[in-house]
Amino acid sequence: MATKNNKLNPGHFAVARALDIPVSTKHCIEICRALRYKNTAYAKRFLEEVADLKRAVPFKKFYKDTGHKAGMAAGRFPQKAAKELLALVKSVEANALVKGLNASDLKITKIIANKASIPLTGGRRRTATKRSHVEIEVKEGRKAKLEKQAKATEVAAAKKEVKTEVAKSEHKENKQPASPAVVEKKIVKESLSKPEVKEISSAELLRRAQEKAARLKKEEIERKSTEEVSQLYEELQKKGTLRQKGGKA
């Protein structure tokens, strides 16, 4: 059975253990040798192919009475051990997700198999059962580390920019008020820069009013005379005393 990873475990890695699994320790050792320092995606694909009898595991240590397989020397198809280790790889990926690691780029840095205690069984063959312990440890690959570093740099730059803006705004708000002498000088300068407004006497206002009234009266007389002339012109035209254009009067 696979054990859960401790969430409080420090470091950028995740661990999972499978204790007392009923598989051959020799098979687990050969599979661990084939998967060590590989990424978890390759490990899952490799174990699935072994479980489906599509790929053989090369046996480098326990190769006695083992036949050759295609593309390698001694090799076998340890299906049961491959299924147990596949579940363990998926378990360590889940532990890595819980710790906030990038599950798409995990490298197997440690994978070991040990022989477990053999339980007593009834009958004459008391040592016929098989038990193994397997431990796996994964860390983030170089790509994931670079992505995290870039994100951390961006976040730090954003925080620094925000702090700078806050400091500027606080400096503006906490700016000391100007002294009374400076304020008085500013008021005097503004008053001198404004154009002077001359006062108009009552006689001048009366003269301007009389001129405007005379101008309006003159315009009214001209308008009336123009209307009278236009009326006389229309009457003469009706009586036929004026010549029409292009004909006789």
Protein backbone atom coordinates (compact mmCIF):
# COMPACT_ATOMS: atom_id res chain seq x y z
CA MET A 1 0.00 0.00 0.00
CA ALA A 2 1.27 3.48 -0.87
CA THR A 3 1.77 5.90 2.00
CA LYS A 4 0.85 9.56 1.79
CA ASN A 5 3.51 12.24 1.67
CA ASN A 6 3.90 14.54 4.68
CA LYS A 7 2.56 18.00 3.72
CA LEU A 8 4.95 19.65 6.20
CA ASN A 9 7.99 18.05 4.60
CA PRO A 10 10.32 20.92 3.58
CA GLY A 11 12.05 21.13 0.23
CA HIS A 12 11.01 21.08 -3.39
CA PHE A 13 10.41 17.34 -3.59
CA ALA A 14 7.71 14.75 -2.88
CA VAL A 15 7.97 11.22 -1.51
CA ALA A 16 5.72 8.14 -1.62
CA ARG A 17 6.22 4.65 -0.24
CA ALA A 18 4.60 1.30 -1.00
CA LEU A 19 4.94 -1.07 1.96
CA ASP A 20 4.47 -4.84 2.00
CA ILE A 21 3.28 -5.13 -1.59
CA PRO A 22 2.94 -8.79 -2.73
CA VAL A 23 5.47 -8.69 -5.59
CA SER A 24 8.95 -10.01 -6.20
CA THR A 25 11.76 -7.86 -4.81
CA LYS A 26 14.05 -8.86 -7.68
CA HIS A 27 11.53 -7.63 -10.23
CA CYS A 28 11.10 -4.34 -8.34
CA ILE A 29 14.88 -3.80 -8.23
CA GLU A 30 15.22 -4.25 -12.01
CA ILE A 31 12.28 -1.91 -12.71
CA CYS A 32 13.67 0.71 -10.32
CA ARG A 33 17.04 0.59 -12.10
CA ALA A 34 15.27 1.21 -15.44
CA LEU A 35 13.28 4.20 -14.10
CA ARG A 36 15.90 5.95 -11.95
CA TYR A 37 16.61 9.57 -13.07
CA LYS A 38 13.75 9.48 -15.57
CA ASN A 39 10.71 11.76 -15.50
CA THR A 40 7.33 10.55 -14.27
CA ALA A 41 5.70 10.77 -17.70
CA TYR A 42 8.26 8.33 -19.12
CA ALA A 43 7.87 6.06 -16.06
CA LYS A 44 4.09 5.82 -16.44
CA ARG A 45 4.34 5.10 -20.16
CA PHE A 46 7.06 2.50 -19.55
CA LEU A 47 5.10 0.68 -16.82
CA GLU A 48 1.87 0.68 -18.84
CA GLU A 49 3.67 -0.93 -21.77
CA VAL A 50 5.25 -3.54 -19.49
CA ALA A 51 1.84 -4.35 -17.95
CA ASP A 52 0.38 -4.77 -21.46
CA LEU A 53 3.27 -7.08 -22.52
CA LYS A 54 4.38 -4.54 -25.16
CA ARG A 55 7.78 -3.81 -23.64
CA ALA A 56 10.27 -5.92 -21.68
CA VAL A 57 12.28 -4.82 -18.67
CA PRO A 58 16.03 -5.43 -19.12
CA PHE A 59 17.44 -7.58 -16.31
CA LYS A 60 21.03 -6.55 -15.53
CA LYS A 61 21.49 -8.24 -12.14
CA PHE A 62 19.04 -11.10 -11.74
CA TYR A 63 19.42 -12.55 -15.23
CA LYS A 64 20.04 -16.23 -14.40
CA ASP A 65 18.00 -18.53 -16.66
CA THR A 66 16.43 -15.46 -18.32
CA GLY A 67 15.93 -15.43 -22.07
CA HIS A 68 16.83 -12.61 -24.42
CA LYS A 69 14.19 -10.17 -25.61
CA ALA A 70 14.01 -7.99 -28.71
CA GLY A 71 16.53 -5.14 -28.58
CA MET A 72 18.19 -6.29 -25.33
CA ALA A 73 19.91 -9.20 -23.66
CA ALA A 74 18.10 -10.76 -20.70
CA GLY A 75 14.64 -9.37 -20.05
CA ARG A 76 11.20 -10.18 -18.67
CA PHE A 77 7.64 -8.86 -18.42
CA PRO A 78 6.97 -8.44 -14.67
CA GLN A 79 3.32 -7.44 -15.01
CA LYS A 80 2.34 -7.55 -11.34
CA ALA A 81 5.31 -5.47 -10.19
CA ALA A 82 4.73 -2.97 -13.04
CA LYS A 83 1.11 -2.41 -11.96
CA GLU A 84 2.11 -1.83 -8.33
CA LEU A 85 4.85 0.63 -9.27
CA LEU A 86 2.54 2.43 -11.69
CA ALA A 87 0.15 3.10 -8.80
CA LEU A 88 3.10 4.33 -6.73
CA VAL A 89 4.22 6.79 -9.44
CA LYS A 90 0.70 8.20 -9.67
CA SER A 91 0.64 8.53 -5.87
CA VAL A 92 3.88 10.52 -5.77
CA GLU A 93 2.56 12.81 -8.50
CA ALA A 94 -0.52 13.50 -6.37
CA ASN A 95 1.73 14.26 -3.39
CA ALA A 96 3.73 16.68 -5.54
CA LEU A 97 0.53 18.50 -6.55
CA VAL A 98 -0.44 18.86 -2.88
CA LYS A 99 2.95 20.48 -2.18
CA GLY A 100 2.50 22.89 -5.09
CA LEU A 101 5.03 21.34 -7.47
CA ASN A 102 4.66 21.24 -11.24
CA ALA A 103 3.38 17.70 -11.90
CA SER A 104 4.09 17.96 -15.65
CA ASP A 105 7.86 18.18 -15.07
CA LEU A 106 8.89 15.81 -12.26
CA LYS A 107 12.14 13.84 -12.22
CA ILE A 108 12.63 10.62 -10.26
CA THR A 109 15.71 11.29 -8.12
CA LYS A 110 15.35 8.30 -5.82
CA ILE A 111 13.62 4.93 -6.28
CA ILE A 112 14.67 1.89 -4.29
CA ALA A 113 13.18 -1.53 -3.51
CA ASN A 114 13.86 -3.60 -0.40
CA LYS A 115 12.75 -7.00 0.77
CA ALA A 116 9.97 -6.91 3.39
CA SER A 117 9.27 -9.36 6.15
CA ILE A 118 7.65 -12.59 4.96
CA PRO A 119 4.41 -13.36 6.78
CA LEU A 120 3.80 -16.87 8.07
CA THR A 121 1.31 -18.86 6.09
CA GLY A 122 -0.19 -22.21 6.88
CA GLY A 123 1.08 -25.35 5.25
CA ARG A 124 4.47 -26.78 4.49
CA ARG A 125 5.65 -23.93 2.23
CA ARG A 126 5.92 -21.20 4.81
CA THR A 127 8.45 -19.13 2.77
CA ALA A 128 6.65 -19.17 -0.56
CA THR A 129 5.10 -15.69 -0.25
CA LYS A 130 6.77 -12.49 -1.52
CA ARG A 131 6.71 -9.02 0.05
CA SER A 132 8.59 -5.83 -0.92
CA HIS A 133 8.99 -2.20 0.16
CA VAL A 134 9.42 0.47 -2.56
CA GLU A 135 10.20 4.13 -2.00
CA ILE A 136 10.19 6.88 -4.63
CA GLU A 137 11.20 10.52 -4.49
CA VAL A 138 10.63 13.14 -7.20
CA LYS A 139 11.82 16.72 -7.72
CA GLU A 140 10.94 19.44 -10.17
CA GLY A 141 12.89 19.46 -13.41
CA ARG A 142 14.96 22.35 -14.74
CA LYS A 143 12.13 23.67 -16.91
CA ALA A 144 9.72 23.95 -13.99
CA LYS A 145 12.38 25.66 -11.86
CA LEU A 146 13.07 28.25 -14.56
CA GLU A 147 9.35 28.96 -14.96
CA LYS A 148 8.96 29.41 -11.20
CA GLN A 149 11.98 31.72 -11.05
CA ALA A 150 10.57 33.84 -13.87
CA LYS A 151 7.20 34.08 -12.13
CA ALA A 152 8.86 34.97 -8.83
CA THR A 153 10.88 37.71 -10.57
CA GLU A 154 7.74 39.16 -12.15
CA VAL A 155 5.89 39.13 -8.83
CA ALA A 156 8.82 40.81 -7.06
CA ALA A 157 9.01 43.52 -9.74
CA ALA A 158 5.26 44.15 -9.48
CA LYS A 159 5.46 44.40 -5.68
CA LYS A 160 8.39 46.80 -5.91
CA GLU A 161 6.51 49.01 -8.36
CA VAL A 162 3.45 49.08 -6.12
CA LYS A 163 5.57 49.97 -3.09
CA THR A 164 7.24 52.81 -5.04
CA GLU A 165 3.87 54.26 -6.06
CA VAL A 166 2.57 54.01 -2.50
CA ALA A 167 5.69 55.73 -1.16
CA LYS A 168 5.32 58.57 -3.71
CA SER A 169 1.67 59.11 -2.81
CA GLU A 170 2.49 59.11 0.92
CA HIS A 171 5.30 61.60 0.33
CA LYS A 172 2.92 63.92 -1.51
CA GLU A 173 0.31 63.64 1.25
CA ASN A 174 2.86 64.16 4.03
CA LYS A 175 4.50 67.16 2.34
CA GLN A 176 5.03 70.07 4.80
CA PRO A 177 2.73 73.11 4.28
CA ALA A 178 4.26 76.34 3.03
CA SER A 179 5.20 79.03 5.55
CA PRO A 180 2.98 82.16 5.97
CA ALA A 181 5.62 84.37 4.34
CA VAL A 182 5.69 82.19 1.23
CA VAL A 183 1.88 82.19 1.08
CA GLU A 184 1.80 86.02 1.38
CA LYS A 185 4.35 86.43 -1.40
CA LYS A 186 2.33 84.11 -3.62
CA ILE A 187 -0.86 86.13 -3.02
CA VAL A 188 0.93 89.43 -3.81
CA LYS A 189 2.38 87.99 -7.00
CA GLU A 190 -1.03 86.76 -8.16
CA SER A 191 -2.60 90.16 -7.42
CA LEU A 192 0.08 92.00 -9.41
CA SER A 193 -0.31 89.66 -12.36
CA LYS A 194 -4.03 90.36 -12.63
CA PRO A 195 -5.00 93.26 -14.98
CA GLU A 196 -6.26 96.42 -13.29
CA VAL A 197 -9.96 97.22 -13.77
CA LYS A 198 -10.66 100.96 -14.28
CA GLU A 199 -13.75 102.42 -12.66
CA ILE A 200 -16.24 104.20 -15.05
CA SER A 201 -17.83 107.47 -13.96
CA SER A 202 -21.58 108.11 -14.08
CA ALA A 203 -21.13 110.87 -16.70
CA GLU A 204 -19.33 108.45 -18.99
CA LEU A 205 -22.10 105.87 -18.52
CA LEU A 206 -24.75 108.51 -19.35
CA ARG A 207 -22.89 109.59 -22.50
CA ARG A 208 -22.60 105.99 -23.71
CA ALA A 209 -26.32 105.38 -23.08
CA GLN A 210 -27.29 108.54 -25.05
CA GLU A 211 -25.08 107.51 -27.98
CA LYS A 212 -26.58 104.04 -28.06
CA ALA A 213 -30.14 105.46 -27.91
CA ALA A 214 -29.42 107.88 -30.78
CA ARG A 215 -27.94 105.05 -32.87
CA LEU A 216 -30.99 102.86 -32.26
CA LYS A 217 -33.37 105.73 -33.16
CA LYS A 218 -31.50 106.40 -36.37
CA GLU A 219 -31.64 102.70 -37.32
CA GLU A 220 -35.40 102.68 -36.60
CA ILE A 221 -35.97 105.75 -38.85
CA GLU A 222 -33.98 104.18 -41.69
CA ARG A 223 -35.92 100.97 -41.39
CA LYS A 224 -39.27 102.81 -41.53
CA SER A 225 -38.21 104.87 -44.58
CA THR A 226 -37.11 101.70 -46.34
CA GLU A 227 -40.49 100.08 -45.65
CA GLU A 228 -42.36 103.17 -47.01
CA VAL A 229 -40.29 103.16 -50.22
CA SER A 230 -40.96 99.47 -50.78
CA GLN A 231 -44.72 100.02 -50.23
CA LEU A 232 -44.79 102.92 -52.79
CA TYR A 233 -42.90 100.77 -55.26
CA GLU A 234 -45.46 97.98 -54.92
CA GLU A 235 -48.41 100.39 -55.38
CA LEU A 236 -46.90 101.90 -58.53
CA GLN A 237 -46.25 98.44 -59.90
CA LYS A 238 -49.87 97.45 -59.32
CA LYS A 239 -51.16 100.61 -61.10
CA GLY A 240 -48.93 99.92 -64.10
CA THR A 241 -46.97 103.11 -64.00
CA LEU A 242 -43.63 101.22 -63.88
CA ARG A 243 -42.13 99.39 -66.88
CA GLN A 244 -41.79 95.61 -66.52
CA LYS A 245 -38.63 93.84 -67.60
CA GLY A 246 -39.00 92.48 -71.14
CA GLY A 247 -42.34 94.18 -71.84
CA LYS A 248 -44.22 97.42 -71.97
CA ALA A 249 -45.57 99.21 -68.99
